Amino acid sequence: MAVESRVGHLETWAGPGQVEALSTSLTDLRGDLAAFRREVRSELGTIKTDLTEVRTRLGRMEDTMAEVLRRLPPIADR
């Protein structure tokens, strides 16, 4: 509502063509913002997938290290 009242004031204050220029600029800005959001969401999805893969590999490494340690002979007393 506050934006609507400001636009109403702008229409009475602005000269011919200024309101249309502002409207076009805002429309372009909203389009750019929507494209940016899509790009960020896509990248976030890629990061989440990569993180899942890293966690899976880390789990396998932990299992492998546990098996290696299990197979080592006991430490001899000095």
PDB file of N, CA and C in Angstrom:
ATOM      1  N   MET A   1       0.815  -1.198   0.000  1.00  0.00           N
ATOM      2  CA  MET A   1       0.000   0.000   0.000  1.00  0.00           C
ATOM      3  C   MET A   1       0.859   1.263   0.000  1.00  0.00           C
ATOM      4  N   ALA A   2       1.956   1.229   0.763  1.00  0.00           N
ATOM      5  CA  ALA A   2       2.826   2.400   0.801  1.00  0.00           C
ATOM      6  C   ALA A   2       3.406   2.685  -0.579  1.00  0.00           C
ATOM      7  N   VAL A   3       3.738   1.625  -1.304  1.00  0.00           N
ATOM      8  CA  VAL A   3       4.293   1.800  -2.645  1.00  0.00           C
ATOM      9  C   VAL A   3       3.244   2.412  -3.567  1.00  0.00           C
ATOM     10  N   GLU A   4       2.006   1.960  -3.430  1.00  0.00           N
ATOM     11  CA  GLU A   4       0.944   2.496  -4.282  1.00  0.00           C
ATOM     12  C   GLU A   4       0.754   3.999  -4.048  1.00  0.00           C
ATOM     13  N   SER A   5       0.815   4.414  -2.801  1.00  0.00           N
ATOM     14  CA  SER A   5       0.646   5.843  -2.530  1.00  0.00           C
ATOM     15  C   SER A   5       1.834   6.643  -3.058  1.00  0.00           C
ATOM     16  N   ARG A   6       3.028   6.056  -2.975  1.00  0.00           N
ATOM     17  CA  ARG A   6       4.203   6.745  -3.508  1.00  0.00           C
ATOM     18  C   ARG A   6       4.117   6.874  -5.028  1.00  0.00           C
ATOM     19  N   VAL A   7       3.641   5.822  -5.693  1.00  0.00           N
ATOM     20  CA  VAL A   7       3.502   5.877  -7.148  1.00  0.00           C
ATOM     21  C   VAL A   7       2.453   6.911  -7.525  1.00  0.00           C
ATOM     22  N   GLY A   8       1.357   6.984  -6.752  1.00  0.00           N
ATOM     23  CA  GLY A   8       0.340   7.999  -7.013  1.00  0.00           C
ATOM     24  C   GLY A   8       0.919   9.394  -6.901  1.00  0.00           C
ATOM     25  N   HIS A   9       1.763   9.607  -5.903  1.00  0.00           N
ATOM     26  CA  HIS A   9       2.422  10.906  -5.735  1.00  0.00           C
ATOM     27  C   HIS A   9       3.395  11.166  -6.884  1.00  0.00           C
ATOM     28  N   LEU A  10       4.092  10.126  -7.313  1.00  0.00           N
ATOM     29  CA  LEU A  10       5.046  10.261  -8.412  1.00  0.00           C
ATOM     30  C   LEU A  10       4.339  10.677  -9.687  1.00  0.00           C
ATOM     31  N   GLU A  11       3.161  10.103  -9.923  1.00  0.00           N
ATOM     32  CA  GLU A  11       2.430  10.430 -11.144  1.00  0.00           C
ATOM     33  C   GLU A  11       2.039  11.903 -11.175  1.00  0.00           C
ATOM     34  N   THR A  12       1.729  12.467 -10.029  1.00  0.00           N
ATOM     35  CA  THR A  12       1.355  13.878 -10.024  1.00  0.00           C
ATOM     36  C   THR A  12       2.578  14.791 -10.080  1.00  0.00           C
ATOM     37  N   TRP A  13       3.725  14.298  -9.621  1.00  0.00           N
ATOM     38  CA  TRP A  13       4.936  15.104  -9.576  1.00  0.00           C
ATOM     39  C   TRP A  13       5.760  14.985 -10.858  1.00  0.00           C
ATOM     40  N   ALA A  14       5.834  13.774 -11.414  1.00  0.00           N
ATOM     41  CA  ALA A  14       6.712  13.504 -12.555  1.00  0.00           C
ATOM     42  C   ALA A  14       6.146  14.110 -13.831  1.00  0.00           C
ATOM     43  N   GLY A  15       7.055  14.406 -14.718  1.00  0.00           N
ATOM     44  CA  GLY A  15       6.652  14.924 -16.013  1.00  0.00           C
ATOM     45  C   GLY A  15       6.286  13.795 -16.963  1.00  0.00           C
ATOM     46  N   PRO A  16       5.886  14.130 -18.167  1.00  0.00           N
ATOM     47  CA  PRO A  16       5.484  13.119 -19.140  1.00  0.00           C
ATOM     48  C   PRO A  16       6.629  12.158 -19.453  1.00  0.00           C
ATOM     49  N   GLY A  17       6.340  10.876 -19.440  1.00  0.00           N
ATOM     50  CA  GLY A  17       7.318   9.862 -19.805  1.00  0.00           C
ATOM     51  C   GLY A  17       8.130   9.344 -18.638  1.00  0.00           C
ATOM     52  N   GLN A  18       8.194  10.068 -17.548  1.00  0.00           N
ATOM     53  CA  GLN A  18       9.009   9.622 -16.422  1.00  0.00           C
ATOM     54  C   GLN A  18       8.397   8.421 -15.713  1.00  0.00           C
ATOM     55  N   VAL A  19       7.092   8.397 -15.609  1.00  0.00           N
ATOM     56  CA  VAL A  19       6.425   7.278 -14.951  1.00  0.00           C
ATOM     57  C   VAL A  19       6.615   6.011 -15.783  1.00  0.00           C
ATOM     58  N   GLU A  20       6.476   6.134 -17.088  1.00  0.00           N
ATOM     59  CA  GLU A  20       6.663   4.974 -17.953  1.00  0.00           C
ATOM     60  C   GLU A  20       8.105   4.468 -17.888  1.00  0.00           C
ATOM     61  N   ALA A  21       9.053   5.405 -17.838  1.00  0.00           N
ATOM     62  CA  ALA A  21      10.463   5.016 -17.740  1.00  0.00           C
ATOM     63  C   ALA A  21      10.725   4.290 -16.428  1.00  0.00           C
ATOM     64  N   LEU A  22      10.157   4.788 -15.339  1.00  0.00           N
ATOM     65  CA  LEU A  22      10.316   4.138 -14.047  1.00  0.00           C
ATOM     66  C   LEU A  22       9.660   2.759 -14.066  1.00  0.00           C
ATOM     67  N   SER A  23       8.498   2.672 -14.635  1.00  0.00           N
ATOM     68  CA  SER A  23       7.790   1.400 -14.708  1.00  0.00           C
ATOM     69  C   SER A  23       8.580   0.370 -15.509  1.00  0.00           C
ATOM     70  N   THR A  24       9.119   0.802 -16.633  1.00  0.00           N
ATOM     71  CA  THR A  24       9.930  -0.093 -17.458  1.00  0.00           C
ATOM     72  C   THR A  24      11.179  -0.532 -16.706  1.00  0.00           C
ATOM     73  N   SER A  25      11.802   0.414 -16.026  1.00  0.00           N
ATOM     74  CA  SER A  25      12.999   0.103 -15.255  1.00  0.00           C
ATOM     75  C   SER A  25      12.697  -0.899 -14.151  1.00  0.00           C
ATOM     76  N   LEU A  26      11.594  -0.717 -13.446  1.00  0.00           N
ATOM     77  CA  LEU A  26      11.208  -1.648 -12.378  1.00  0.00           C
ATOM     78  C   LEU A  26      10.884  -3.033 -12.939  1.00  0.00           C
ATOM     79  N   THR A  27      10.223  -3.067 -14.077  1.00  0.00           N
ATOM     80  CA  THR A  27       9.915  -4.353 -14.711  1.00  0.00           C
ATOM     81  C   THR A  27      11.198  -5.080 -15.088  1.00  0.00           C
ATOM     82  N   ASP A  28      12.153  -4.361 -15.654  1.00  0.00           N
ATOM     83  CA  ASP A  28      13.441  -4.953 -16.003  1.00  0.00           C
ATOM     84  C   ASP A  28      14.183  -5.446 -14.754  1.00  0.00           C
ATOM     85  N   LEU A  29      14.145  -4.640 -13.712  1.00  0.00           N
ATOM     86  CA  LEU A  29      14.804  -5.013 -12.462  1.00  0.00           C
ATOM     87  C   LEU A  29      14.188  -6.286 -11.879  1.00  0.00           C
ATOM     88  N   ARG A  30      12.878  -6.377 -11.901  1.00  0.00           N
ATOM     89  CA  ARG A  30      12.206  -7.586 -11.398  1.00  0.00           C
ATOM     90  C   ARG A  30      12.587  -8.805 -12.229  1.00  0.00           C
ATOM     91  N   GLY A  31      12.686  -8.634 -13.533  1.00  0.00           N
ATOM     92  CA  GLY A  31      13.119  -9.734 -14.392  1.00  0.00           C
ATOM     93  C   GLY A  31      14.536 -10.171 -14.085  1.00  0.00           C
ATOM     94  N   ASP A  32      15.420  -9.198 -13.900  1.00  0.00           N
ATOM     95  CA  ASP A  32      16.811  -9.514 -13.543  1.00  0.00           C
ATOM     96  C   ASP A  32      16.886 -10.226 -12.204  1.00  0.00           C
ATOM     97  N   LEU A  33      16.106  -9.764 -11.251  1.00  0.00           N
ATOM     98  CA  LEU A  33      16.086 -10.383  -9.934  1.00  0.00           C
ATOM     99  C   LEU A  33      15.565 -11.818 -10.004  1.00  0.00           C
ATOM    100  N   ALA A  34      14.540 -12.044 -10.789  1.00  0.00           N
ATOM    101  CA  ALA A  34      14.004 -13.399 -10.945  1.00  0.00           C
ATOM    102  C   ALA A  34      15.044 -14.321 -11.584  1.00  0.00           C
ATOM    103  N   ALA A  35      15.757 -13.826 -12.579  1.00  0.00           N
ATOM    104  CA  ALA A  35      16.809 -14.622 -13.213  1.00  0.00           C
ATOM    105  C   ALA A  35      17.932 -14.921 -12.228  1.00  0.00           C
ATOM    106  N   PHE A  36      18.293 -13.928 -11.418  1.00  0.00           N
ATOM    107  CA  PHE A  36      19.325 -14.119 -10.408  1.00  0.00           C
ATOM    108  C   PHE A  36      18.896 -15.175  -9.390  1.00  0.00           C
ATOM    109  N   ARG A  37      17.654 -15.113  -8.950  1.00  0.00           N
ATOM    110  CA  ARG A  37      17.147 -16.107  -7.994  1.00  0.00           C
ATOM    111  C   ARG A  37      17.196 -17.506  -8.582  1.00  0.00           C
ATOM    112  N   ARG A  38      16.809 -17.639  -9.847  1.00  0.00           N
ATOM    113  CA  ARG A  38      16.872 -18.962 -10.493  1.00  0.00           C
ATOM    114  C   ARG A  38      18.305 -19.477 -10.536  1.00  0.00           C
ATOM    115  N   GLU A  39      19.235 -18.589 -10.867  1.00  0.00           N
ATOM    116  CA  GLU A  39      20.643 -18.974 -10.938  1.00  0.00           C
ATOM    117  C   GLU A  39      21.165 -19.394  -9.561  1.00  0.00           C
ATOM    118  N   VAL A  40      20.812 -18.636  -8.532  1.00  0.00           N
ATOM    119  CA  VAL A  40      21.261 -18.963  -7.176  1.00  0.00           C
ATOM    120  C   VAL A  40      20.677 -20.301  -6.734  1.00  0.00           C
ATOM    121  N   ARG A  41      19.404 -20.525  -7.001  1.00  0.00           N
ATOM    122  CA  ARG A  41      18.770 -21.798  -6.634  1.00  0.00           C
ATOM    123  C   ARG A  41      19.428 -22.965  -7.356  1.00  0.00           C
ATOM    124  N   SER A  42      19.753 -22.772  -8.626  1.00  0.00           N
ATOM    125  CA  SER A  42      20.419 -23.826  -9.385  1.00  0.00           C
ATOM    126  C   SER A  42      21.791 -24.133  -8.802  1.00  0.00           C
ATOM    127  N   GLU A  43      22.553 -23.086  -8.511  1.00  0.00           N
ATOM    128  CA  GLU A  43      23.887 -23.275  -7.931  1.00  0.00           C
ATOM    129  C   GLU A  43      23.798 -23.917  -6.556  1.00  0.00           C
ATOM    130  N   LEU A  44      22.794 -23.530  -5.776  1.00  0.00           N
ATOM    131  CA  LEU A  44      22.607 -24.118  -4.457  1.00  0.00           C
ATOM    132  C   LEU A  44      22.304 -25.608  -4.574  1.00  0.00           C
ATOM    133  N   GLY A  45      21.512 -25.978  -5.563  1.00  0.00           N
ATOM    134  CA  GLY A  45      21.240 -27.393  -5.805  1.00  0.00           C
ATOM    135  C   GLY A  45      22.510 -28.151  -6.152  1.00  0.00           C
ATOM    136  N   THR A  46      23.361 -27.552  -6.972  1.00  0.00           N
ATOM    137  CA  THR A  46      24.627 -28.177  -7.332  1.00  0.00           C
ATOM    138  C   THR A  46      25.520 -28.339  -6.103  1.00  0.00           C
ATOM    139  N   ILE A  47      25.564 -27.307  -5.265  1.00  0.00           N
ATOM    140  CA  ILE A  47      26.377 -27.375  -4.048  1.00  0.00           C
ATOM    141  C   ILE A  47      25.871 -28.468  -3.122  1.00  0.00           C
ATOM    142  N   LYS A  48      24.565 -28.572  -2.973  1.00  0.00           N
ATOM    143  CA  LYS A  48      23.990 -29.613  -2.115  1.00  0.00           C
ATOM    144  C   LYS A  48      24.343 -31.003  -2.634  1.00  0.00           C
ATOM    145  N   THR A  49      24.271 -31.181  -3.952  1.00  0.00           N
ATOM    146  CA  THR A  49      24.627 -32.465  -4.548  1.00  0.00           C
ATOM    147  C   THR A  49      26.097 -32.784  -4.307  1.00  0.00           C
ATOM    148  N   ASP A  50      26.959 -31.794  -4.508  1.00  0.00           N
ATOM    149  CA  ASP A  50      28.393 -31.985  -4.279  1.00  0.00           C
ATOM    150  C   ASP A  50      28.680 -32.317  -2.819  1.00  0.00           C
ATOM    151  N   LEU A  51      28.009 -31.638  -1.912  1.00  0.00           N
ATOM    152  CA  LEU A  51      28.211 -31.883  -0.486  1.00  0.00           C
ATOM    153  C   LEU A  51      27.775 -33.300  -0.107  1.00  0.00           C
ATOM    154  N   THR A  52      26.689 -33.764  -0.681  1.00  0.00           N
ATOM    155  CA  THR A  52      26.243 -35.131  -0.427  1.00  0.00           C
ATOM    156  C   THR A  52      27.287 -36.130  -0.901  1.00  0.00           C
ATOM    157  N   GLU A  53      27.873 -35.880  -2.068  1.00  0.00           N
ATOM    158  CA  GLU A  53      28.917 -36.757  -2.591  1.00  0.00           C
ATOM    159  C   GLU A  53      30.152 -36.753  -1.690  1.00  0.00           C
ATOM    160  N   VAL A  54      30.526 -35.578  -1.207  1.00  0.00           N
ATOM    161  CA  VAL A  54      31.682 -35.480  -0.310  1.00  0.00           C
ATOM    162  C   VAL A  54      31.419 -36.266   0.969  1.00  0.00           C
ATOM    163  N   ARG A  55      30.233 -36.120   1.520  1.00  0.00           N
ATOM    164  CA  ARG A  55      29.898 -36.856   2.745  1.00  0.00           C
ATOM    165  C   ARG A  55      29.930 -38.363   2.513  1.00  0.00           C
ATOM    166  N   THR A  56      29.434 -38.800   1.371  1.00  0.00           N
ATOM    167  CA  THR A  56      29.454 -40.222   1.042  1.00  0.00           C
ATOM    168  C   THR A  56      30.891 -40.729   0.952  1.00  0.00           C
ATOM    169  N   ARG A  57      31.738 -39.979   0.254  1.00  0.00           N
ATOM    170  CA  ARG A  57      33.143 -40.383   0.124  1.00  0.00           C
ATOM    171  C   ARG A  57      33.847 -40.383   1.473  1.00  0.00           C
ATOM    172  N   LEU A  58      33.551 -39.407   2.301  1.00  0.00           N
ATOM    173  CA  LEU A  58      34.148 -39.346   3.628  1.00  0.00           C
ATOM    174  C   LEU A  58      33.740 -40.562   4.459  1.00  0.00           C
ATOM    175  N   GLY A  59      32.496 -40.933   4.356  1.00  0.00           N
ATOM    176  CA  GLY A  59      32.033 -42.125   5.058  1.00  0.00           C
ATOM    177  C   GLY A  59      32.764 -43.371   4.605  1.00  0.00           C
ATOM    178  N   ARG A  60      32.967 -43.492   3.293  1.00  0.00           N
ATOM    179  CA  ARG A  60      33.715 -44.646   2.771  1.00  0.00           C
ATOM    180  C   ARG A  60      35.165 -44.622   3.249  1.00  0.00           C
ATOM    181  N   MET A  61      35.756 -43.433   3.291  1.00  0.00           N
ATOM    182  CA  MET A  61      37.142 -43.320   3.767  1.00  0.00           C
ATOM    183  C   MET A  61      37.237 -43.723   5.234  1.00  0.00           C
ATOM    184  N   GLU A  62      36.272 -43.311   6.028  1.00  0.00           N
ATOM    185  CA  GLU A  62      36.269 -43.690   7.441  1.00  0.00           C
ATOM    186  C   GLU A  62      36.158 -45.206   7.591  1.00  0.00           C
ATOM    187  N   ASP A  63      35.286 -45.810   6.795  1.00  0.00           N
ATOM    188  CA  ASP A  63      35.140 -47.269   6.843  1.00  0.00           C
ATOM    189  C   ASP A  63      36.442 -47.956   6.439  1.00  0.00           C
ATOM    190  N   THR A  64      37.087 -47.453   5.392  1.00  0.00           N
ATOM    191  CA  THR A  64      38.340 -48.030   4.928  1.00  0.00           C
ATOM    192  C   THR A  64      39.427 -47.896   5.987  1.00  0.00           C
ATOM    193  N   MET A  65      39.543 -46.721   6.580  1.00  0.00           N
ATOM    194  CA  MET A  65      40.555 -46.514   7.624  1.00  0.00           C
ATOM    195  C   MET A  65      40.289 -47.408   8.832  1.00  0.00           C
ATOM    196  N   ALA A  66      39.031 -47.583   9.200  1.00  0.00           N
ATOM    197  CA  ALA A  66      38.703 -48.468  10.324  1.00  0.00           C
ATOM    198  C   ALA A  66      39.128 -49.899  10.010  1.00  0.00           C
ATOM    199  N   GLU A  67      38.919 -50.326   8.762  1.00  0.00           N
ATOM    200  CA  GLU A  67      39.323 -51.680   8.352  1.00  0.00           C
ATOM    201  C   GLU A  67      40.841 -51.817   8.361  1.00  0.00           C
ATOM    202  N   VAL A  68      41.548 -50.800   7.883  1.00  0.00           N
ATOM    203  CA  VAL A  68      43.022 -50.830   7.890  1.00  0.00           C
ATOM    204  C   VAL A  68      43.527 -50.935   9.322  1.00  0.00           C
ATOM    205  N   LEU A  69      42.995 -50.116  10.204  1.00  0.00           N
ATOM    206  CA  LEU A  69      43.433 -50.156  11.596  1.00  0.00           C
ATOM    207  C   LEU A  69      43.105 -51.486  12.258  1.00  0.00           C
ATOM    208  N   ARG A  70      41.978 -52.062  11.890  1.00  0.00           N
ATOM    209  CA  ARG A  70      41.592 -53.355  12.452  1.00  0.00           C
ATOM    210  C   ARG A  70      42.564 -54.448  12.019  1.00  0.00           C
ATOM    211  N   ARG A  71      43.069 -54.369  10.813  1.00  0.00           N
ATOM    212  CA  ARG A  71      43.970 -55.411  10.268  1.00  0.00           C
ATOM    213  C   ARG A  71      45.417 -55.256  10.722  1.00  0.00           C
ATOM    214  N   LEU A  72      45.782 -54.113  11.240  1.00  0.00           N
ATOM    215  CA  LEU A  72      47.167 -53.921  11.670  1.00  0.00           C
ATOM    216  C   LEU A  72      47.482 -54.838  12.845  1.00  0.00           C
ATOM    217  N   PRO A  73      48.711 -55.336  12.881  1.00  0.00           N
ATOM    218  CA  PRO A  73      49.081 -56.168  14.035  1.00  0.00           C
ATOM    219  C   PRO A  73      49.170 -55.305  15.290  1.00  0.00           C
ATOM    220  N   PRO A  74      49.000 -55.926  16.439  1.00  0.00           N
ATOM    221  CA  PRO A  74      49.094 -55.155  17.683  1.00  0.00           C
ATOM    222  C   PRO A  74      50.480 -54.558  17.837  1.00  0.00           C
ATOM    223  N   ILE A  75      50.561 -53.470  18.535  1.00  0.00           N
ATOM    224  CA  ILE A  75      51.850 -52.803  18.782  1.00  0.00           C
ATOM    225  C   ILE A  75      52.608 -53.612  19.810  1.00  0.00           C
ATOM    226  N   ALA A  76      53.860 -53.935  19.485  1.00  0.00           N
ATOM    227  CA  ALA A  76      54.697 -54.710  20.413  1.00  0.00           C
ATOM    228  C   ALA A  76      55.197 -53.804  21.521  1.00  0.00           C
ATOM    229  N   ASP A  77      55.267 -54.349  22.716  1.00  0.00           N
ATOM    230  CA  ASP A  77      55.807 -53.570  23.843  1.00  0.00           C
ATOM    231  C   ASP A  77      57.292 -53.381  23.636  1.00  0.00           C
ATOM    232  N   ARG A  78      57.799 -52.256  24.034  1.00  0.00           N
ATOM    233  CA  ARG A  78      59.214 -51.964  23.851  1.00  0.00           C
ATOM    234  C   ARG A  78      60.020 -52.498  24.960  1.00  0.00           C
TER     235      ARG A  78
END
